[in-house]
Amino acid sequence: MASDDEMWGKGWILDCKMKITKIETEIKYIELKTPFKTALRTATHVEFVRVYVECDNGFVGVGEAPATKAITGEGIEDILNSIGSVKKLFLGLSPKEALVKLHAAQIGSSAKAALDIVFVHLLSQEAKKPLYDYFGATDLTPLQTDVTISLNDANVMLNDAKKAYDEGMEILKVKVGGDIEHALKVVKEIADALPSAKILVDANQAWSLEDSLFFIQNVKGTQIELIEQPVIASDLDGLKKITEASHIPILADEAAFTLEDVKKVLKSKSADMINIKFMKCGGVSKAIEILEYAREKKVPCMLGSMLEGPYSINMALHLAFAYRDVIKYIDLDSPLLYKEMPLELDFEFRGCKIVLVSK
């Protein structure tokens, strides 16, 4: 069995005396400013499960998981049922013991992530450290996130991109769909109109191998930072061929849920970079395992998210400060898409800059 340091990374406490006494869930909603559209789905609000875990010393941890059935296969009821099916396993255990038992359980990755986030939140409280310190962060200078430009009519997307850039968003994640001519038009128009912007193209598995190669050939001379998951997740052979042919870095997202997936993608040279998301890998402790592997292999990563609530975004941002040497891109823009900024955030979003706020 792995040692504590190997399992939980540097800085994780070795002893945990408090015991879990209660686990409760509720469904939460946050309205969005405008509909969020990708090749996989359209959302008008963030819908998520919030989990509260109380311990015998009075500490309460909070975790969250959104409904992303198109990606993880889990809707709200699936997440609630999964948590309900295992929560008795954790009563009377320490959060550290609960983490081990959690990751041996056969439940969905999002439900697992919600509980993982809670248990880590409790561990940081027992260590009497804010999360960024608990993860080992020393550099607290502001981070930068991208902002999503939703899939839409080309003119609407161009206007949305210009508006975002004018509001200080320098990194634009442009969502495109299966219409490759539309994708070319949108990306070229945004690049031409905003030559100083960093453009990330996210196809969300919507392209074929042929479409992907056609796009890459026809955007030569256009400044693009990366192309994310152009083909269906299961087509690693196609992804590898695209990566080999591309002058633009290729980022694997849906093809890389777990550490085992990441190793398979990187060892086969099917992508240049990896997008890590709590809801795919099963939480922050599993994200740390992937980040440690990426650091060892010198592979740049994106730390991303689904459309998520403030507590899961908080956890990801605290982690991002500790792994800024590995995380080249941050895709944690959910709060920028909310109709109203929630009070639970530990951060302020100032344009693309993310600033830690003392509380």
Protein backbone atom coordinates (compact mmCIF):
# COMPACT_ATOMS: atom_id res chain seq x y z
CA MET A 1 0.00 0.00 0.00
CA ALA A 2 1.23 3.51 -0.81
CA SER A 3 2.54 5.68 1.99
CA ASP A 4 0.58 8.71 3.18
CA ASP A 5 2.90 11.06 1.30
CA GLU A 6 2.51 9.05 -1.91
CA MET A 7 -1.27 8.95 -1.57
CA TRP A 8 -1.98 12.52 -0.62
CA GLY A 9 1.01 14.56 -1.80
CA LYS A 10 3.30 16.90 0.10
CA GLY A 11 1.79 18.80 3.00
CA TRP A 12 -1.13 16.45 3.66
CA ILE A 13 -1.55 15.75 7.36
CA LEU A 14 -0.71 12.28 8.62
CA ASP A 15 -3.03 12.19 11.63
CA CYS A 16 -6.72 12.95 11.74
CA LYS A 17 -8.58 12.57 15.03
CA MET A 18 -12.02 14.01 14.29
CA LYS A 19 -14.82 11.66 13.28
CA ILE A 20 -17.66 12.15 10.79
CA THR A 21 -21.10 12.32 12.45
CA LYS A 22 -23.49 13.60 9.79
CA ILE A 23 -23.76 13.86 5.98
CA GLU A 24 -26.51 15.91 4.32
CA THR A 25 -27.24 16.99 0.74
CA GLU A 26 -29.31 19.64 -1.00
CA ILE A 27 -29.93 20.71 -4.59
CA LYS A 28 -28.79 24.22 -5.56
CA TYR A 29 -29.30 26.39 -8.65
CA ILE A 30 -27.45 29.43 -9.98
CA GLU A 31 -28.86 31.35 -12.94
CA LEU A 32 -26.52 32.23 -15.81
CA LYS A 33 -26.29 35.61 -17.53
CA THR A 34 -26.89 34.00 -20.93
CA PRO A 35 -27.31 30.39 -22.14
CA PHE A 36 -24.13 28.32 -22.13
CA LYS A 37 -23.88 26.37 -25.40
CA THR A 38 -21.42 23.71 -26.51
CA ALA A 39 -21.49 20.89 -29.06
CA LEU A 40 -22.80 18.63 -26.26
CA ARG A 41 -25.41 20.70 -24.41
CA THR A 42 -27.14 24.00 -23.65
CA ALA A 43 -27.59 25.24 -20.07
CA THR A 44 -29.46 28.25 -18.69
CA HIS A 45 -28.40 27.67 -15.09
CA VAL A 46 -25.95 25.69 -12.98
CA GLU A 47 -27.69 22.84 -11.20
CA PHE A 48 -25.66 21.02 -8.56
CA VAL A 49 -25.70 18.93 -5.43
CA ARG A 50 -24.15 20.49 -2.34
CA VAL A 51 -22.90 18.14 0.38
CA TYR A 52 -22.37 19.04 4.03
CA VAL A 53 -20.32 16.79 6.30
CA GLU A 54 -20.17 17.46 10.04
CA CYS A 55 -17.61 16.07 12.47
CA ASP A 56 -17.68 15.47 16.22
CA ASN A 57 -15.51 18.54 16.87
CA GLY A 58 -18.04 20.84 15.17
CA PHE A 59 -16.16 21.29 11.90
CA VAL A 60 -18.34 21.30 8.76
CA GLY A 61 -17.02 20.62 5.28
CA VAL A 62 -18.77 21.54 2.04
CA GLY A 63 -18.51 19.94 -1.39
CA GLU A 64 -20.40 20.14 -4.66
CA ALA A 65 -21.05 18.28 -7.90
CA PRO A 66 -22.99 19.58 -10.90
CA ALA A 67 -25.29 17.62 -13.17
CA THR A 68 -23.32 16.91 -16.36
CA LYS A 69 -25.05 13.85 -17.79
CA ALA A 70 -23.66 14.47 -21.28
CA ILE A 71 -20.11 14.16 -19.96
CA THR A 72 -19.98 12.04 -16.78
CA GLY A 73 -23.34 10.30 -17.24
CA GLU A 74 -24.65 11.72 -13.96
CA GLY A 75 -27.76 13.84 -13.49
CA ILE A 76 -28.83 15.35 -10.18
CA GLU A 77 -30.75 12.25 -9.07
CA ASP A 78 -27.81 10.01 -9.98
CA ILE A 79 -25.49 12.08 -7.79
CA LEU A 80 -27.94 12.17 -4.89
CA ASN A 81 -28.56 8.42 -5.12
CA SER A 82 -24.84 7.65 -5.28
CA ILE A 83 -24.06 9.74 -2.22
CA GLY A 84 -27.06 8.27 -0.41
CA SER A 85 -25.88 4.74 -1.16
CA VAL A 86 -22.46 5.20 0.46
CA LYS A 87 -22.80 7.88 3.14
CA LYS A 88 -23.31 5.39 5.99
CA LEU A 89 -19.87 3.95 5.16
CA PHE A 90 -18.21 7.14 6.37
CA LEU A 91 -19.99 7.69 9.68
CA GLY A 92 -17.56 7.28 12.57
CA LEU A 93 -14.51 7.53 10.31
CA SER A 94 -11.97 10.34 10.10
CA PRO A 95 -12.00 12.32 6.83
CA LYS A 96 -8.69 10.71 5.91
CA GLU A 97 -10.12 7.22 6.44
CA ALA A 98 -13.23 8.26 4.53
CA LEU A 99 -11.14 9.30 1.52
CA VAL A 100 -9.63 5.83 1.26
CA LYS A 101 -13.03 4.14 1.54
CA LEU A 102 -14.59 6.62 -0.91
CA HIS A 103 -12.16 5.83 -3.71
CA ALA A 104 -12.75 2.10 -3.29
CA ALA A 105 -16.49 2.64 -3.80
CA GLN A 106 -18.19 2.02 -7.15
CA ILE A 107 -20.08 5.28 -7.69
CA GLY A 108 -20.02 7.99 -10.36
CA SER A 109 -17.03 10.31 -10.64
CA SER A 110 -19.03 13.48 -9.90
CA ALA A 111 -20.64 12.06 -6.76
CA LYS A 112 -17.21 10.88 -5.71
CA ALA A 113 -15.77 14.34 -6.38
CA ALA A 114 -18.37 16.06 -4.18
CA LEU A 115 -17.48 13.85 -1.22
CA ASP A 116 -13.75 14.05 -1.91
CA ILE A 117 -13.93 17.86 -1.86
CA VAL A 118 -15.76 17.76 1.49
CA PHE A 119 -13.25 15.43 3.12
CA VAL A 120 -10.28 17.49 1.93
CA HIS A 121 -12.01 20.66 3.13
CA LEU A 122 -12.27 19.07 6.59
CA LEU A 123 -8.64 17.97 6.55
CA SER A 124 -7.51 21.53 5.88
CA GLN A 125 -9.65 22.74 8.78
CA GLU A 126 -8.10 20.24 11.16
CA ALA A 127 -4.65 21.33 9.97
CA LYS A 128 -5.71 24.93 10.74
CA LYS A 129 -4.62 26.03 7.29
CA PRO A 130 -6.43 27.80 4.45
CA LEU A 131 -6.72 25.52 1.46
CA TYR A 132 -4.02 27.20 -0.64
CA ASP A 133 -1.55 26.79 2.26
CA TYR A 134 -2.69 23.22 2.86
CA PHE A 135 -1.86 22.41 -0.77
CA GLY A 136 1.58 24.02 -0.39
CA ALA A 137 1.09 27.24 -2.36
CA THR A 138 3.69 29.95 -1.72
CA ASP A 139 3.14 32.27 -4.68
CA LEU A 140 -0.22 34.03 -4.29
CA THR A 141 0.12 36.51 -7.13
CA PRO A 142 -3.10 36.61 -9.20
CA LEU A 143 -3.89 33.79 -11.63
CA GLN A 144 -5.59 34.15 -15.01
CA THR A 145 -8.63 32.25 -16.23
CA ASP A 146 -10.09 32.03 -19.69
CA VAL A 147 -13.73 32.86 -20.37
CA THR A 148 -16.05 30.76 -22.50
CA ILE A 149 -17.49 32.06 -25.76
CA SER A 150 -20.55 29.86 -26.22
CA LEU A 151 -21.41 28.16 -29.50
CA ASN A 152 -23.77 30.39 -31.44
CA ASP A 153 -24.26 32.25 -34.69
CA ALA A 154 -20.89 33.52 -35.94
CA ASN A 155 -21.82 37.19 -35.54
CA VAL A 156 -23.09 36.62 -32.00
CA MET A 157 -19.87 34.80 -31.08
CA LEU A 158 -17.72 37.60 -32.50
CA ASN A 159 -19.67 40.20 -30.56
CA ASP A 160 -19.47 38.10 -27.39
CA ALA A 161 -15.70 37.75 -27.85
CA LYS A 162 -15.24 41.50 -28.36
CA LYS A 163 -17.33 42.27 -25.28
CA ALA A 164 -15.38 39.81 -23.13
CA TYR A 165 -12.06 41.20 -24.34
CA ASP A 166 -13.17 44.76 -23.64
CA GLU A 167 -14.03 43.64 -20.10
CA GLY A 168 -10.46 42.45 -19.54
CA MET A 169 -10.74 38.83 -20.65
CA GLU A 170 -7.58 38.14 -22.61
CA ILE A 171 -7.99 34.36 -22.89
CA LEU A 172 -11.03 33.25 -24.88
CA LYS A 173 -12.22 29.63 -24.95
CA VAL A 174 -14.20 29.44 -28.17
CA LYS A 175 -16.77 26.64 -28.29
CA VAL A 176 -17.31 25.19 -31.77
CA GLY A 177 -19.51 22.40 -33.13
CA GLY A 178 -19.63 19.87 -35.94
CA ASP A 179 -19.98 22.47 -38.71
CA ILE A 180 -16.31 22.84 -39.60
CA GLU A 181 -16.87 25.79 -41.93
CA HIS A 182 -18.64 27.63 -39.12
CA ALA A 183 -15.74 26.80 -36.79
CA LEU A 184 -13.20 28.17 -39.26
CA LYS A 185 -15.20 31.34 -39.83
CA VAL A 186 -15.69 32.04 -36.12
CA VAL A 187 -12.11 31.39 -35.08
CA LYS A 188 -10.60 33.40 -37.93
CA GLU A 189 -12.94 36.34 -37.36
CA ILE A 190 -12.21 36.46 -33.63
CA ALA A 191 -8.45 36.13 -34.22
CA ASP A 192 -8.51 38.90 -36.83
CA ALA A 193 -10.62 41.23 -34.69
CA LEU A 194 -8.67 40.57 -31.47
CA PRO A 195 -5.04 39.92 -32.45
CA SER A 196 -3.79 40.23 -28.84
CA ALA A 197 -6.28 37.69 -27.46
CA LYS A 198 -5.25 34.14 -26.64
CA ILE A 199 -7.67 31.79 -28.38
CA LEU A 200 -8.43 28.27 -27.16
CA VAL A 201 -10.59 26.24 -29.55
CA ASP A 202 -12.83 23.63 -27.90
CA ALA A 203 -14.62 21.19 -30.24
CA ASN A 204 -16.07 19.02 -27.44
CA GLN A 205 -15.61 15.82 -29.53
CA ALA A 206 -17.66 17.24 -32.44
CA TRP A 207 -15.19 16.72 -35.29
CA SER A 208 -14.08 13.75 -37.37
CA LEU A 209 -10.43 13.07 -38.07
CA GLU A 210 -10.87 14.54 -41.55
CA ASP A 211 -12.56 17.69 -40.22
CA SER A 212 -9.82 18.13 -37.64
CA LEU A 213 -7.03 17.92 -40.23
CA PHE A 214 -8.98 20.25 -42.53
CA PHE A 215 -9.34 22.82 -39.73
CA ILE A 216 -5.67 22.64 -38.79
CA GLN A 217 -4.57 23.06 -42.40
CA ASN A 218 -6.85 26.05 -42.92
CA VAL A 219 -5.91 28.01 -39.81
CA LYS A 220 -2.21 28.19 -40.57
CA GLY A 221 -1.18 31.77 -39.93
CA THR A 222 -3.98 32.22 -37.38
CA GLN A 223 -2.77 32.53 -33.79
CA ILE A 224 -4.39 29.71 -31.76
CA GLU A 225 -3.11 28.51 -28.39
CA LEU A 226 -4.58 25.01 -28.51
CA ILE A 227 -7.34 22.75 -29.83
CA GLU A 228 -9.27 20.81 -27.20
CA GLN A 229 -10.68 17.31 -27.71
CA PRO A 230 -11.45 17.51 -31.45
CA VAL A 231 -12.63 13.89 -31.81
CA ILE A 232 -14.73 11.51 -29.75
CA ALA A 233 -13.07 10.47 -26.49
CA SER A 234 -12.70 6.79 -27.45
CA ASP A 235 -10.81 7.58 -30.67
CA LEU A 236 -7.27 7.76 -29.31
CA ASP A 237 -5.87 6.65 -32.64
CA GLY A 238 -7.55 9.58 -34.37
CA LEU A 239 -6.42 11.96 -31.61
CA LYS A 240 -2.85 10.72 -32.02
CA LYS A 241 -2.93 11.31 -35.79
CA ILE A 242 -4.24 14.84 -35.24
CA THR A 243 -1.55 15.56 -32.65
CA GLU A 244 1.17 14.29 -34.99
CA ALA A 245 -0.14 16.44 -37.86
CA SER A 246 -0.86 19.60 -35.91
CA HIS A 247 1.27 22.72 -35.53
CA ILE A 248 -1.18 23.69 -32.75
CA PRO A 249 -0.96 21.90 -29.38
CA ILE A 250 -3.74 19.36 -28.81
CA LEU A 251 -5.43 19.12 -25.40
CA ALA A 252 -7.16 15.92 -24.28
CA ASP A 253 -10.28 16.44 -22.16
CA GLU A 254 -12.99 13.77 -22.32
CA ALA A 255 -10.33 11.22 -23.32
CA ALA A 256 -8.62 11.69 -19.95
CA PHE A 257 -10.83 11.13 -16.90
CA THR A 258 -8.52 9.24 -14.52
CA LEU A 259 -4.79 9.01 -13.90
CA GLU A 260 -4.83 5.72 -15.83
CA ASP A 261 -6.45 7.50 -18.79
CA VAL A 262 -3.87 10.29 -18.59
CA LYS A 263 -1.01 7.81 -18.62
CA LYS A 264 -2.50 6.05 -21.64
CA VAL A 265 -2.94 9.32 -23.55
CA LEU A 266 0.54 10.59 -22.77
CA LYS A 267 2.41 7.31 -23.25
CA SER A 268 0.76 6.86 -26.67
CA LYS A 269 1.54 10.51 -27.50
CA SER A 270 -2.11 11.04 -28.39
CA ALA A 271 -2.14 14.61 -27.04
CA ASP A 272 0.27 17.32 -25.95
CA MET A 273 -1.63 18.44 -22.85
CA ILE A 274 -4.29 17.24 -20.41
CA ASN A 275 -7.40 18.95 -19.07
CA ILE A 276 -7.92 17.95 -15.43
CA LYS A 277 -11.39 18.30 -13.90
CA PHE A 278 -12.53 17.18 -10.45
CA MET A 279 -15.80 15.82 -11.83
CA LYS A 280 -13.97 13.54 -14.24
CA CYS A 281 -11.24 12.19 -11.99
CA GLY A 282 -13.20 11.94 -8.73
CA GLY A 283 -12.13 15.00 -6.76
CA VAL A 284 -9.22 17.10 -5.60
CA SER A 285 -7.15 14.24 -4.16
CA LYS A 286 -7.26 12.46 -7.53
CA ALA A 287 -6.50 15.71 -9.37
CA ILE A 288 -3.38 16.03 -7.21
CA GLU A 289 -2.25 12.56 -8.30
CA ILE A 290 -2.59 13.60 -11.95
CA LEU A 291 -0.84 16.93 -11.35
CA GLU A 292 2.05 15.19 -9.61
CA TYR A 293 2.39 12.81 -12.55
CA ALA A 294 2.24 15.71 -15.02
CA ARG A 295 4.86 17.59 -13.01
CA GLU A 296 7.13 14.53 -13.08
CA LYS A 297 6.67 14.09 -16.83
CA LYS A 298 6.87 17.86 -17.50
CA VAL A 299 3.48 17.85 -19.24
CA PRO A 300 1.56 21.14 -19.20
CA CYS A 301 -2.05 20.95 -18.04
CA MET A 302 -5.28 22.86 -18.00
CA LEU A 303 -7.21 22.88 -14.74
CA GLY A 304 -10.81 22.99 -15.86
CA SER A 305 -14.32 22.50 -14.61
CA MET A 306 -17.85 21.84 -15.69
CA LEU A 307 -20.41 24.55 -14.99
CA GLU A 308 -19.99 24.34 -11.23
CA GLY A 309 -20.96 25.93 -7.94
CA PRO A 310 -18.75 28.23 -5.83
CA TYR A 311 -17.35 25.67 -3.39
CA SER A 312 -15.98 23.33 -6.06
CA ILE A 313 -14.58 26.33 -7.96
CA ASN A 314 -13.00 27.56 -4.70
CA MET A 315 -11.28 24.21 -4.20
CA ALA A 316 -9.93 24.19 -7.76
CA LEU A 317 -8.60 27.73 -7.52
CA HIS A 318 -6.81 27.06 -4.22
CA LEU A 319 -5.21 24.04 -5.87
CA ALA A 320 -4.23 26.09 -8.93
CA PHE A 321 -2.07 28.38 -6.77
CA ALA A 322 -0.08 25.36 -5.58
CA TYR A 323 0.47 23.88 -9.06
CA ARG A 324 1.03 26.98 -11.14
CA ASP A 325 4.26 25.44 -12.51
CA VAL A 326 2.23 22.60 -14.07
CA ILE A 327 -1.05 24.36 -14.90
CA LYS A 328 -0.54 26.40 -18.06
CA TYR A 329 -4.22 27.25 -18.57
CA ILE A 330 -7.03 27.77 -16.07
CA ASP A 331 -10.60 27.20 -17.22
CA LEU A 332 -12.51 28.09 -14.05
CA ASP A 333 -14.79 30.77 -15.38
CA SER A 334 -18.14 29.57 -14.00
CA PRO A 335 -18.47 32.58 -11.65
CA LEU A 336 -18.02 34.93 -14.61
CA LEU A 337 -21.05 33.28 -16.24
CA TYR A 338 -23.30 33.52 -13.15
CA LYS A 339 -26.03 36.15 -13.20
CA GLU A 340 -24.87 37.24 -9.74
CA MET A 341 -21.53 36.66 -8.04
CA PRO A 342 -22.00 34.40 -4.95
CA LEU A 343 -20.70 35.35 -1.51
CA GLU A 344 -19.14 31.91 -0.92
CA LEU A 345 -16.18 32.55 -3.22
CA ASP A 346 -12.74 33.06 -1.67
CA PHE A 347 -11.67 35.00 -4.77
CA GLU A 348 -12.44 38.10 -6.81
CA PHE A 349 -12.54 37.99 -10.60
CA ARG A 350 -11.03 41.19 -12.00
CA GLY A 351 -11.26 40.73 -15.74
CA CYS A 352 -9.26 37.57 -16.38
CA LYS A 353 -7.33 37.95 -13.12
CA ILE A 354 -8.24 35.84 -10.09
CA VAL A 355 -7.30 37.44 -6.79
CA LEU A 356 -7.36 35.67 -3.42
CA VAL A 357 -9.46 37.60 -0.90
CA SER A 358 -8.68 37.43 2.81
CA LYS A 359 -11.69 36.42 4.93
